[in-house]
């Protein structure tokens, strides 16, 4: 789905958000209703931020097991590294 988030998380976040807007918009409950509405809207944002998001080719499939993943071969250099060249440098105070 959009942003790699599953439909269940979109529905849960959407319901919390719409319920919070409805309570806040109608003014139900006075001050306590406004506080509950703001908390519902914040809970909607937190639930959407906590949603697992999947991107890439395997986003629609279940996660693969660790045994299915092949370990990459270790990088071994063909020849040993050469020594670094010496840098001839003068003293800055001699310039």
N, C-alpha and C. Protein backbone atom coordinates (compact mmCIF):
# COMPACT_ATOMS: atom_id res chain seq x y z
N UNK A 1 0.84 -1.17 0.00
CA UNK A 1 0.00 0.00 0.00
C UNK A 1 0.89 1.24 0.00
N UNK A 2 0.30 2.38 0.10
CA UNK A 2 1.02 3.65 0.06
C UNK A 2 2.04 3.72 1.18
N UNK A 3 3.27 4.11 0.86
CA UNK A 3 4.39 4.23 1.80
C UNK A 3 4.82 2.89 2.38
N UNK A 4 4.40 1.79 1.80
CA UNK A 4 4.82 0.48 2.29
C UNK A 4 4.12 0.03 3.55
N UNK A 5 3.08 0.72 3.97
CA UNK A 5 2.37 0.38 5.20
C UNK A 5 1.16 -0.48 4.87
N UNK A 6 0.91 -1.50 5.68
CA UNK A 6 -0.21 -2.39 5.40
C UNK A 6 -1.55 -1.70 5.66
N UNK A 7 -2.60 -2.27 5.08
CA UNK A 7 -3.94 -1.68 5.19
C UNK A 7 -4.44 -1.64 6.63
N UNK A 8 -4.09 -2.64 7.42
CA UNK A 8 -4.55 -2.69 8.80
C UNK A 8 -4.07 -1.46 9.58
N UNK A 9 -2.82 -1.07 9.38
CA UNK A 9 -2.30 0.10 10.09
C UNK A 9 -2.93 1.39 9.59
N UNK A 10 -3.20 1.47 8.27
CA UNK A 10 -3.88 2.64 7.73
C UNK A 10 -5.27 2.77 8.33
N UNK A 11 -5.99 1.65 8.44
CA UNK A 11 -7.35 1.68 8.98
C UNK A 11 -7.33 2.08 10.44
N UNK A 12 -6.42 1.49 11.23
CA UNK A 12 -6.34 1.82 12.66
C UNK A 12 -5.98 3.29 12.87
N UNK A 13 -5.00 3.78 12.13
CA UNK A 13 -4.61 5.18 12.27
C UNK A 13 -5.72 6.10 11.79
N UNK A 14 -6.37 5.73 10.71
CA UNK A 14 -7.45 6.55 10.17
C UNK A 14 -8.64 6.64 11.11
N UNK A 15 -9.01 5.51 11.72
CA UNK A 15 -10.13 5.53 12.67
C UNK A 15 -9.82 6.42 13.88
N UNK A 16 -8.63 6.29 14.43
CA UNK A 16 -8.25 7.14 15.56
C UNK A 16 -8.28 8.62 15.17
N UNK A 17 -7.75 8.92 13.99
CA UNK A 17 -7.69 10.31 13.55
C UNK A 17 -9.09 10.89 13.31
N UNK A 18 -9.93 10.14 12.61
CA UNK A 18 -11.28 10.64 12.30
C UNK A 18 -12.11 10.76 13.58
N UNK A 19 -11.97 9.81 14.50
CA UNK A 19 -12.69 9.89 15.76
C UNK A 19 -12.25 11.12 16.56
N UNK A 20 -10.95 11.37 16.58
CA UNK A 20 -10.44 12.56 17.27
C UNK A 20 -10.95 13.85 16.64
N UNK A 21 -10.95 13.90 15.30
CA UNK A 21 -11.47 15.09 14.62
C UNK A 21 -12.96 15.27 14.87
N UNK A 22 -13.71 14.17 14.90
CA UNK A 22 -15.16 14.26 15.12
C UNK A 22 -15.46 14.79 16.52
N UNK A 23 -14.75 14.27 17.52
CA UNK A 23 -14.98 14.75 18.89
C UNK A 23 -14.57 16.20 19.02
N UNK A 24 -13.44 16.54 18.44
CA UNK A 24 -12.96 17.92 18.52
C UNK A 24 -13.86 18.88 17.75
N UNK A 25 -14.33 18.43 16.59
CA UNK A 25 -15.17 19.29 15.75
C UNK A 25 -16.55 19.54 16.33
N UNK A 26 -17.12 18.54 16.99
CA UNK A 26 -18.46 18.72 17.56
C UNK A 26 -18.44 19.40 18.91
N UNK A 27 -17.28 19.41 19.55
CA UNK A 27 -17.18 20.05 20.87
C UNK A 27 -17.80 19.22 21.97
N UNK A 28 -17.93 17.94 21.75
CA UNK A 28 -18.53 17.07 22.76
C UNK A 28 -17.63 16.95 23.98
N UNK A 29 -18.24 17.04 25.16
CA UNK A 29 -17.50 16.81 26.38
C UNK A 29 -16.75 17.99 26.94
N UNK A 30 -16.85 19.13 26.32
CA UNK A 30 -16.18 20.33 26.83
C UNK A 30 -14.67 20.19 26.82
N UNK A 31 -14.04 20.56 27.91
CA UNK A 31 -12.58 20.52 27.99
C UNK A 31 -12.06 19.09 27.95
N UNK A 32 -12.72 18.21 28.66
CA UNK A 32 -12.30 16.81 28.67
C UNK A 32 -12.41 16.19 27.27
N UNK A 33 -13.44 16.54 26.55
CA UNK A 33 -13.60 16.05 25.18
C UNK A 33 -12.50 16.54 24.26
N UNK A 34 -12.11 17.81 24.44
CA UNK A 34 -11.02 18.36 23.63
C UNK A 34 -9.70 17.66 23.94
N UNK A 35 -9.47 17.38 25.20
CA UNK A 35 -8.24 16.68 25.59
C UNK A 35 -8.22 15.28 25.01
N UNK A 36 -9.35 14.58 25.10
CA UNK A 36 -9.44 13.23 24.54
C UNK A 36 -9.26 13.28 23.03
N UNK A 37 -9.83 14.27 22.38
CA UNK A 37 -9.70 14.38 20.93
C UNK A 37 -8.25 14.60 20.52
N UNK A 38 -7.56 15.47 21.22
CA UNK A 38 -6.15 15.72 20.90
C UNK A 38 -5.33 14.46 21.16
N UNK A 39 -5.62 13.74 22.24
CA UNK A 39 -4.90 12.50 22.52
C UNK A 39 -5.17 11.44 21.45
N UNK A 40 -6.41 11.37 20.95
CA UNK A 40 -6.71 10.42 19.88
C UNK A 40 -5.94 10.76 18.60
N UNK A 41 -5.85 12.04 18.29
CA UNK A 41 -5.10 12.45 17.10
C UNK A 41 -3.62 12.14 17.27
N UNK A 42 -3.08 12.38 18.46
CA UNK A 42 -1.68 12.03 18.72
C UNK A 42 -1.47 10.53 18.66
N UNK A 43 -2.42 9.75 19.18
CA UNK A 43 -2.31 8.30 19.10
C UNK A 43 -2.34 7.82 17.65
N UNK A 44 -3.10 8.49 16.80
CA UNK A 44 -3.12 8.14 15.38
C UNK A 44 -1.76 8.37 14.75
N UNK A 45 -1.12 9.48 15.09
CA UNK A 45 0.21 9.75 14.55
C UNK A 45 1.23 8.74 15.06
N UNK A 46 1.15 8.40 16.33
CA UNK A 46 2.09 7.43 16.90
C UNK A 46 1.87 6.04 16.31
N UNK A 47 0.62 5.65 16.13
CA UNK A 47 0.36 4.32 15.56
C UNK A 47 0.82 4.24 14.12
N UNK A 48 0.71 5.32 13.38
CA UNK A 48 1.21 5.30 12.01
C UNK A 48 2.73 5.28 11.98
N UNK A 49 3.35 5.99 12.91
CA UNK A 49 4.81 5.99 12.97
C UNK A 49 5.34 4.63 13.39
N UNK A 50 4.58 3.89 14.19
CA UNK A 50 5.01 2.58 14.67
C UNK A 50 4.72 1.47 13.66
N UNK A 51 4.02 1.77 12.60
CA UNK A 51 3.64 0.74 11.63
C UNK A 51 4.87 0.20 10.92
N UNK A 52 4.90 -1.13 10.72
CA UNK A 52 6.02 -1.70 9.96
C UNK A 52 5.87 -1.34 8.49
N UNK A 53 6.94 -0.83 7.91
CA UNK A 53 6.91 -0.42 6.50
C UNK A 53 7.86 -1.29 5.71
N UNK A 54 7.39 -1.79 4.59
CA UNK A 54 8.20 -2.66 3.75
C UNK A 54 8.36 -2.01 2.38
N UNK A 55 9.60 -2.01 1.91
CA UNK A 55 9.89 -1.46 0.61
C UNK A 55 10.61 -2.52 -0.22
N UNK A 56 10.68 -2.32 -1.50
CA UNK A 56 11.44 -3.21 -2.36
C UNK A 56 10.61 -4.31 -2.98
N UNK A 57 11.33 -5.30 -3.55
CA UNK A 57 10.66 -6.36 -4.30
C UNK A 57 9.86 -7.29 -3.41
N UNK A 58 10.34 -7.60 -2.21
CA UNK A 58 9.67 -8.57 -1.37
C UNK A 58 8.71 -7.97 -0.37
N UNK A 59 8.19 -6.80 -0.63
CA UNK A 59 7.35 -6.14 0.35
C UNK A 59 6.00 -6.81 0.53
N UNK A 60 5.54 -7.55 -0.49
CA UNK A 60 4.23 -8.20 -0.40
C UNK A 60 4.32 -9.63 0.12
N UNK A 61 5.51 -10.14 0.25
CA UNK A 61 5.68 -11.51 0.72
C UNK A 61 6.15 -11.50 2.16
N UNK A 62 6.04 -12.64 2.78
CA UNK A 62 6.50 -12.77 4.16
C UNK A 62 8.01 -12.71 4.20
N UNK A 63 8.54 -12.40 5.37
CA UNK A 63 9.99 -12.32 5.50
C UNK A 63 10.60 -13.70 5.31
N UNK A 64 11.74 -13.74 4.66
CA UNK A 64 12.41 -15.01 4.45
C UNK A 64 13.13 -15.43 5.71
N UNK A 65 13.31 -16.71 5.86
CA UNK A 65 14.00 -17.22 7.02
C UNK A 65 15.49 -16.94 6.90
N UNK A 66 16.16 -16.94 8.01
CA UNK A 66 17.60 -16.68 8.01
C UNK A 66 18.35 -17.77 7.26
N UNK A 67 17.83 -19.00 7.23
CA UNK A 67 18.51 -20.09 6.54
C UNK A 67 18.46 -19.91 5.03
N UNK A 68 17.51 -19.16 4.53
CA UNK A 68 17.40 -18.95 3.09
C UNK A 68 18.44 -17.96 2.57
N UNK A 69 18.92 -17.12 3.45
CA UNK A 69 19.86 -16.09 3.02
C UNK A 69 21.25 -16.69 2.90
N UNK A 70 21.88 -16.46 1.77
CA UNK A 70 23.25 -16.95 1.60
C UNK A 70 24.22 -15.89 2.08
N UNK A 71 25.21 -16.31 2.82
CA UNK A 71 26.21 -15.38 3.36
C UNK A 71 27.14 -14.95 2.24
N UNK A 72 27.45 -13.66 2.15
CA UNK A 72 28.37 -13.22 1.10
C UNK A 72 29.78 -13.74 1.37
N UNK A 73 30.49 -14.00 0.30
CA UNK A 73 31.86 -14.49 0.43
C UNK A 73 32.74 -13.39 1.02
N UNK A 74 33.67 -13.75 1.89
CA UNK A 74 34.54 -12.72 2.47
C UNK A 74 35.46 -12.13 1.40
N UNK A 75 35.75 -10.87 1.53
CA UNK A 75 36.62 -10.19 0.57
C UNK A 75 38.07 -10.48 0.94
N UNK A 76 38.76 -11.15 0.05
CA UNK A 76 40.18 -11.48 0.27
C UNK A 76 40.98 -10.80 -0.83
N UNK A 77 41.95 -9.96 -0.47
CA UNK A 77 42.74 -9.31 -1.52
C UNK A 77 43.62 -10.33 -2.23
N UNK A 78 43.86 -10.09 -3.52
CA UNK A 78 44.66 -11.01 -4.31
C UNK A 78 46.14 -10.94 -3.94
N UNK A 79 46.60 -9.77 -3.60
CA UNK A 79 48.00 -9.60 -3.22
C UNK A 79 48.05 -8.72 -1.98
N UNK A 80 49.09 -8.83 -1.18
CA UNK A 80 49.16 -8.01 0.02
C UNK A 80 49.29 -6.53 -0.34
N UNK A 81 48.81 -5.66 0.54
CA UNK A 81 48.89 -4.23 0.23
C UNK A 81 50.34 -3.74 0.21
N UNK A 82 50.58 -2.78 -0.68
CA UNK A 82 51.93 -2.21 -0.80
C UNK A 82 52.14 -1.20 0.32
N UNK A 83 53.39 -0.95 0.70
CA UNK A 83 53.64 0.07 1.72
C UNK A 83 53.31 1.45 1.18
N UNK A 84 52.94 2.33 2.06
CA UNK A 84 52.61 3.70 1.63
C UNK A 84 53.87 4.45 1.22
N UNK A 85 53.72 5.30 0.21
CA UNK A 85 54.90 6.07 -0.21
C UNK A 85 55.27 7.12 0.84
N UNK A 86 56.55 7.40 0.93
CA UNK A 86 57.03 8.43 1.85
C UNK A 86 56.81 9.81 1.23
N UNK A 87 56.37 10.75 2.02
CA UNK A 87 56.12 12.10 1.55
C UNK A 87 57.25 12.99 2.06
N UNK A 88 57.94 13.63 1.11
CA UNK A 88 59.00 14.56 1.49
C UNK A 88 58.35 15.89 1.84
N UNK A 89 58.53 16.32 3.06
CA UNK A 89 57.92 17.57 3.51
C UNK A 89 58.96 18.39 4.26
N UNK A 90 58.87 19.68 4.09
CA UNK A 90 59.77 20.58 4.80
C UNK A 90 59.09 21.21 5.99
N UNK A 91 59.85 21.88 6.78
CA UNK A 91 59.30 22.57 7.93
C UNK A 91 58.64 23.87 7.49
N UNK A 92 57.47 24.16 8.01
CA UNK A 92 56.73 25.36 7.59
C UNK A 92 57.47 26.62 8.00
N UNK A 93 58.28 26.56 9.05
CA UNK A 93 58.99 27.77 9.48
C UNK A 93 60.15 28.14 8.57
N UNK A 94 60.58 27.21 7.70
CA UNK A 94 61.69 27.48 6.78
C UNK A 94 61.26 28.22 5.55
N UNK A 95 60.01 28.37 5.30
CA UNK A 95 59.52 29.02 4.08
C UNK A 95 59.64 30.51 4.14
